[in-house]
Amino acid sequence: MADFVMRRWDLRPVPYPQAPPHIHDRGDEGFAVLDGLLDVTLGTEVRRLGSGEFLIVPAGTVHTFATVDDIPASVIVTMTPQIDALVRELHRVPDEERPAVWARYHSRMI
């Protein structure tokens, strides 16, 4: 990953994944847990990460992530500028515009 962005995400617990299962075709993404627990699903495998643990999701890998039980999680996410722009735009547009946003950033929901 030549250029990358690091963001701290403070995730409140919800009873479903924080994002739909998806793929980034051109960028890797990394999750490092500062506090709490985070389940990262890679394809069909779920990896539970605790404080101090990290995981890299290679480009082209179906993935999602979720908080565990009623525990909030603080996570440092390392990603390409393109994935960072995708996340920021997804939080600004209505649901019906999201498929086009995913495509614009070479990513897709599964």
N, C-alpha and C. Protein backbone atom coordinates (compact mmCIF):
# COMPACT_ATOMS: atom_id res chain seq x y z
N MET A 1 0.86 -1.16 0.00
CA MET A 1 0.00 0.00 0.00
C MET A 1 0.91 1.22 0.00
N ALA A 2 1.00 1.93 -1.11
CA ALA A 2 1.90 3.08 -1.21
C ALA A 2 1.38 4.29 -0.44
N ASP A 3 0.16 4.69 -0.69
CA ASP A 3 -0.48 5.77 0.04
C ASP A 3 -1.55 5.17 0.93
N PHE A 4 -1.68 5.71 2.13
CA PHE A 4 -2.72 5.18 3.00
C PHE A 4 -3.21 6.26 3.94
N VAL A 5 -4.38 6.01 4.49
CA VAL A 5 -5.04 6.89 5.44
C VAL A 5 -5.31 6.05 6.68
N MET A 6 -5.11 6.66 7.84
CA MET A 6 -5.46 5.98 9.09
C MET A 6 -6.55 6.79 9.77
N ARG A 7 -7.61 6.11 10.18
CA ARG A 7 -8.74 6.76 10.86
C ARG A 7 -9.07 5.97 12.12
N ARG A 8 -9.44 6.70 13.17
CA ARG A 8 -9.95 6.04 14.37
C ARG A 8 -11.46 6.00 14.25
N TRP A 9 -12.00 4.80 14.40
CA TRP A 9 -13.44 4.62 14.40
C TRP A 9 -13.84 4.15 15.79
N ASP A 10 -14.71 4.89 16.43
CA ASP A 10 -15.29 4.47 17.71
C ASP A 10 -16.66 3.91 17.38
N LEU A 11 -16.77 2.60 17.41
CA LEU A 11 -17.98 1.89 16.98
C LEU A 11 -18.87 1.57 18.16
N ARG A 12 -20.09 2.04 18.09
CA ARG A 12 -21.05 1.68 19.13
C ARG A 12 -21.58 0.29 18.83
N PRO A 13 -21.94 -0.45 19.87
CA PRO A 13 -22.43 -1.80 19.62
C PRO A 13 -23.80 -1.79 18.94
N VAL A 14 -23.93 -2.59 17.92
CA VAL A 14 -25.21 -2.79 17.23
C VAL A 14 -25.37 -4.30 16.99
N PRO A 15 -26.60 -4.79 16.86
CA PRO A 15 -26.81 -6.25 16.72
C PRO A 15 -26.66 -6.77 15.29
N TYR A 16 -25.92 -6.07 14.47
CA TYR A 16 -25.72 -6.45 13.07
C TYR A 16 -24.34 -5.92 12.63
N PRO A 17 -23.83 -6.37 11.49
CA PRO A 17 -22.53 -5.88 11.03
C PRO A 17 -22.54 -4.36 10.81
N GLN A 18 -21.39 -3.76 11.01
CA GLN A 18 -21.24 -2.31 10.84
C GLN A 18 -21.33 -1.90 9.37
N ALA A 19 -21.04 -2.84 8.46
CA ALA A 19 -21.10 -2.59 7.02
C ALA A 19 -21.62 -3.85 6.36
N PRO A 20 -22.24 -3.72 5.19
CA PRO A 20 -22.66 -4.94 4.48
C PRO A 20 -21.42 -5.69 3.98
N PRO A 21 -21.54 -7.00 3.75
CA PRO A 21 -20.42 -7.71 3.14
C PRO A 21 -20.06 -7.02 1.81
N HIS A 22 -18.76 -6.79 1.61
CA HIS A 22 -18.34 -6.04 0.44
C HIS A 22 -16.92 -6.39 0.04
N ILE A 23 -16.53 -5.89 -1.14
CA ILE A 23 -15.19 -6.10 -1.69
C ILE A 23 -14.64 -4.76 -2.15
N HIS A 24 -13.37 -4.52 -1.87
CA HIS A 24 -12.64 -3.41 -2.46
C HIS A 24 -11.71 -4.04 -3.50
N ASP A 25 -11.97 -3.77 -4.77
CA ASP A 25 -11.20 -4.42 -5.83
C ASP A 25 -9.77 -3.94 -5.93
N ARG A 26 -9.50 -2.70 -5.51
CA ARG A 26 -8.16 -2.13 -5.73
C ARG A 26 -7.42 -1.71 -4.47
N GLY A 27 -7.94 -2.03 -3.30
CA GLY A 27 -7.25 -1.56 -2.11
C GLY A 27 -7.35 -2.50 -0.93
N ASP A 28 -6.25 -2.59 -0.19
CA ASP A 28 -6.23 -3.34 1.06
C ASP A 28 -6.81 -2.47 2.17
N GLU A 29 -7.22 -3.13 3.25
CA GLU A 29 -7.77 -2.43 4.41
C GLU A 29 -7.28 -3.16 5.66
N GLY A 30 -6.90 -2.41 6.67
CA GLY A 30 -6.42 -3.03 7.89
C GLY A 30 -7.20 -2.55 9.10
N PHE A 31 -7.43 -3.44 10.06
CA PHE A 31 -8.15 -3.12 11.29
C PHE A 31 -7.23 -3.42 12.47
N ALA A 32 -7.01 -2.43 13.33
CA ALA A 32 -6.25 -2.61 14.57
C ALA A 32 -7.14 -2.19 15.73
N VAL A 33 -7.41 -3.09 16.64
CA VAL A 33 -8.33 -2.82 17.75
C VAL A 33 -7.56 -2.16 18.90
N LEU A 34 -8.04 -1.00 19.30
CA LEU A 34 -7.48 -0.29 20.45
C LEU A 34 -8.15 -0.74 21.73
N ASP A 35 -9.46 -0.92 21.66
CA ASP A 35 -10.24 -1.26 22.84
C ASP A 35 -11.50 -1.99 22.41
N GLY A 36 -11.95 -2.94 23.20
CA GLY A 36 -13.15 -3.70 22.88
C GLY A 36 -12.83 -4.91 22.04
N LEU A 37 -13.85 -5.41 21.36
CA LEU A 37 -13.73 -6.58 20.49
C LEU A 37 -14.32 -6.25 19.13
N LEU A 38 -13.74 -6.83 18.09
CA LEU A 38 -14.25 -6.64 16.74
C LEU A 38 -14.20 -7.98 16.02
N ASP A 39 -15.33 -8.40 15.47
CA ASP A 39 -15.37 -9.58 14.62
C ASP A 39 -15.19 -9.12 13.17
N VAL A 40 -14.16 -9.61 12.51
CA VAL A 40 -13.94 -9.32 11.10
C VAL A 40 -14.20 -10.60 10.33
N THR A 41 -15.12 -10.53 9.39
CA THR A 41 -15.47 -11.69 8.57
C THR A 41 -14.74 -11.57 7.24
N LEU A 42 -13.95 -12.60 6.92
CA LEU A 42 -13.24 -12.70 5.64
C LEU A 42 -13.83 -13.88 4.90
N GLY A 43 -14.66 -13.62 3.89
CA GLY A 43 -15.37 -14.72 3.23
C GLY A 43 -16.34 -15.33 4.22
N THR A 44 -16.09 -16.60 4.61
CA THR A 44 -16.95 -17.26 5.59
C THR A 44 -16.28 -17.42 6.95
N GLU A 45 -15.03 -16.98 7.06
CA GLU A 45 -14.28 -17.12 8.31
C GLU A 45 -14.40 -15.85 9.16
N VAL A 46 -14.75 -16.03 10.43
CA VAL A 46 -14.85 -14.90 11.37
C VAL A 46 -13.61 -14.91 12.25
N ARG A 47 -12.93 -13.77 12.30
CA ARG A 47 -11.76 -13.61 13.17
C ARG A 47 -12.11 -12.59 14.25
N ARG A 48 -12.05 -12.97 15.50
CA ARG A 48 -12.33 -12.06 16.61
C ARG A 48 -11.02 -11.39 17.02
N LEU A 49 -11.03 -10.07 17.00
CA LEU A 49 -9.86 -9.28 17.37
C LEU A 49 -10.11 -8.57 18.68
N GLY A 50 -9.14 -8.63 19.57
CA GLY A 50 -9.20 -7.90 20.83
C GLY A 50 -8.18 -6.78 20.84
N SER A 51 -8.11 -6.08 21.95
CA SER A 51 -7.19 -4.96 22.10
C SER A 51 -5.77 -5.36 21.73
N GLY A 52 -5.15 -4.58 20.85
CA GLY A 52 -3.78 -4.83 20.44
C GLY A 52 -3.64 -5.75 19.24
N GLU A 53 -4.73 -6.31 18.75
CA GLU A 53 -4.66 -7.21 17.60
C GLU A 53 -5.05 -6.49 16.32
N PHE A 54 -4.50 -6.98 15.21
CA PHE A 54 -4.81 -6.36 13.92
C PHE A 54 -4.95 -7.42 12.84
N LEU A 55 -5.56 -7.00 11.74
CA LEU A 55 -5.80 -7.90 10.62
C LEU A 55 -5.80 -7.08 9.34
N ILE A 56 -5.16 -7.60 8.31
CA ILE A 56 -5.16 -6.97 6.99
C ILE A 56 -6.15 -7.72 6.11
N VAL A 57 -7.00 -6.97 5.42
CA VAL A 57 -7.95 -7.54 4.46
C VAL A 57 -7.41 -7.21 3.07
N PRO A 58 -6.91 -8.22 2.34
CA PRO A 58 -6.36 -7.95 1.01
C PRO A 58 -7.44 -7.52 0.02
N ALA A 59 -7.05 -6.71 -0.94
CA ALA A 59 -7.96 -6.32 -2.02
C ALA A 59 -8.58 -7.56 -2.64
N GLY A 60 -9.85 -7.45 -3.00
CA GLY A 60 -10.56 -8.56 -3.63
C GLY A 60 -11.15 -9.57 -2.67
N THR A 61 -11.07 -9.31 -1.36
CA THR A 61 -11.59 -10.23 -0.35
C THR A 61 -12.95 -9.76 0.16
N VAL A 62 -13.94 -10.63 0.12
CA VAL A 62 -15.23 -10.31 0.71
C VAL A 62 -15.04 -10.18 2.21
N HIS A 63 -15.54 -9.08 2.78
CA HIS A 63 -15.38 -8.88 4.21
C HIS A 63 -16.46 -7.96 4.78
N THR A 64 -16.57 -8.00 6.09
CA THR A 64 -17.37 -7.08 6.87
C THR A 64 -16.82 -7.12 8.29
N PHE A 65 -17.39 -6.29 9.15
CA PHE A 65 -16.90 -6.25 10.54
C PHE A 65 -18.06 -5.88 11.44
N ALA A 66 -17.96 -6.32 12.71
CA ALA A 66 -19.06 -6.11 13.65
C ALA A 66 -18.53 -6.00 15.07
N THR A 67 -19.21 -5.21 15.87
CA THR A 67 -18.92 -5.19 17.30
C THR A 67 -19.41 -6.50 17.89
N VAL A 68 -18.99 -6.80 19.10
CA VAL A 68 -19.33 -8.06 19.76
C VAL A 68 -20.18 -7.77 20.99
N ASP A 69 -21.33 -8.43 21.07
CA ASP A 69 -22.25 -8.28 22.20
C ASP A 69 -22.58 -6.79 22.40
N ASP A 70 -22.54 -6.34 23.62
CA ASP A 70 -22.86 -4.93 23.92
C ASP A 70 -21.60 -4.12 24.20
N ILE A 71 -20.49 -4.53 23.58
CA ILE A 71 -19.20 -3.90 23.86
C ILE A 71 -18.84 -2.93 22.73
N PRO A 72 -18.64 -1.64 23.04
CA PRO A 72 -18.16 -0.73 22.00
C PRO A 72 -16.73 -1.11 21.61
N ALA A 73 -16.30 -0.67 20.45
CA ALA A 73 -14.94 -0.96 20.00
C ALA A 73 -14.32 0.32 19.44
N SER A 74 -13.06 0.54 19.78
CA SER A 74 -12.27 1.60 19.18
C SER A 74 -11.25 0.93 18.27
N VAL A 75 -11.23 1.36 17.02
CA VAL A 75 -10.44 0.69 16.00
C VAL A 75 -9.68 1.73 15.18
N ILE A 76 -8.42 1.43 14.85
CA ILE A 76 -7.70 2.21 13.85
C ILE A 76 -7.83 1.44 12.54
N VAL A 77 -8.38 2.11 11.55
CA VAL A 77 -8.55 1.50 10.24
C VAL A 77 -7.53 2.14 9.29
N THR A 78 -6.74 1.30 8.64
CA THR A 78 -5.77 1.76 7.66
C THR A 78 -6.30 1.36 6.29
N MET A 79 -6.35 2.34 5.39
CA MET A 79 -6.97 2.09 4.09
C MET A 79 -6.36 3.01 3.04
N THR A 80 -6.63 2.71 1.81
CA THR A 80 -6.19 3.59 0.73
C THR A 80 -7.04 4.87 0.76
N PRO A 81 -6.53 5.95 0.16
CA PRO A 81 -7.35 7.17 0.07
C PRO A 81 -8.68 6.91 -0.64
N GLN A 82 -8.68 6.00 -1.60
CA GLN A 82 -9.91 5.68 -2.33
C GLN A 82 -10.96 5.06 -1.41
N ILE A 83 -10.56 4.13 -0.54
CA ILE A 83 -11.51 3.52 0.39
C ILE A 83 -11.97 4.56 1.41
N ASP A 84 -11.08 5.41 1.86
CA ASP A 84 -11.46 6.49 2.78
C ASP A 84 -12.52 7.39 2.15
N ALA A 85 -12.33 7.76 0.88
CA ALA A 85 -13.31 8.59 0.18
C ALA A 85 -14.65 7.87 0.04
N LEU A 86 -14.60 6.56 -0.23
CA LEU A 86 -15.82 5.75 -0.32
C LEU A 86 -16.60 5.82 0.98
N VAL A 87 -15.93 5.56 2.09
CA VAL A 87 -16.60 5.55 3.39
C VAL A 87 -17.22 6.91 3.69
N ARG A 88 -16.47 7.96 3.44
CA ARG A 88 -16.99 9.31 3.71
C ARG A 88 -18.22 9.62 2.87
N GLU A 89 -18.17 9.25 1.58
CA GLU A 89 -19.32 9.52 0.72
C GLU A 89 -20.53 8.65 1.07
N LEU A 90 -20.30 7.40 1.43
CA LEU A 90 -21.43 6.53 1.81
C LEU A 90 -22.20 7.10 2.99
N HIS A 91 -21.50 7.80 3.89
CA HIS A 91 -22.17 8.39 5.05
C HIS A 91 -22.93 9.67 4.72
N ARG A 92 -22.77 10.18 3.50
CA ARG A 92 -23.43 11.44 3.11
C ARG A 92 -24.60 11.26 2.15
N VAL A 93 -24.74 10.10 1.54
CA VAL A 93 -25.75 9.94 0.49
C VAL A 93 -26.91 9.08 0.97
N PRO A 94 -28.09 9.26 0.36
CA PRO A 94 -29.22 8.39 0.70
C PRO A 94 -28.98 6.96 0.20
N ASP A 95 -29.68 6.01 0.81
CA ASP A 95 -29.50 4.59 0.50
C ASP A 95 -29.59 4.28 -0.99
N GLU A 96 -30.51 4.91 -1.70
CA GLU A 96 -30.70 4.58 -3.11
C GLU A 96 -29.52 4.99 -3.98
N GLU A 97 -28.66 5.89 -3.50
CA GLU A 97 -27.48 6.31 -4.27
C GLU A 97 -26.24 5.48 -3.96
N ARG A 98 -26.30 4.65 -2.95
CA ARG A 98 -25.11 3.93 -2.50
C ARG A 98 -24.53 2.96 -3.52
N PRO A 99 -25.33 2.19 -4.29
CA PRO A 99 -24.71 1.28 -5.27
C PRO A 99 -23.80 2.02 -6.25
N ALA A 100 -24.19 3.19 -6.70
CA ALA A 100 -23.35 3.96 -7.63
C ALA A 100 -22.07 4.45 -6.95
N VAL A 101 -22.18 4.79 -5.67
CA VAL A 101 -21.00 5.24 -4.92
C VAL A 101 -20.00 4.09 -4.79
N TRP A 102 -20.47 2.90 -4.42
CA TRP A 102 -19.58 1.74 -4.32
C TRP A 102 -18.83 1.55 -5.64
N ALA A 103 -19.55 1.58 -6.75
CA ALA A 103 -18.94 1.35 -8.07
C ALA A 103 -17.90 2.43 -8.40
N ARG A 104 -18.20 3.66 -8.08
CA ARG A 104 -17.30 4.77 -8.38
C ARG A 104 -15.92 4.58 -7.72
N TYR A 105 -15.92 3.91 -6.58
CA TYR A 105 -14.67 3.70 -5.84
C TYR A 105 -14.15 2.26 -5.98
N HIS A 106 -14.52 1.58 -7.06
CA HIS A 106 -14.01 0.24 -7.38
C HIS A 106 -14.24 -0.73 -6.22
N SER A 107 -15.44 -0.66 -5.67
CA SER A 107 -15.85 -1.54 -4.57
C SER A 107 -17.28 -1.96 -4.85
N ARG A 108 -17.73 -2.99 -4.14
CA ARG A 108 -19.11 -3.43 -4.34
C ARG A 108 -19.61 -4.21 -3.13
N MET A 109 -20.91 -4.10 -2.92
CA MET A 109 -21.57 -4.90 -1.89
C MET A 109 -21.81 -6.29 -2.47
N ILE A 110 -21.82 -7.28 -1.58
CA ILE A 110 -22.07 -8.66 -1.99
C ILE A 110 -23.44 -9.09 -1.47
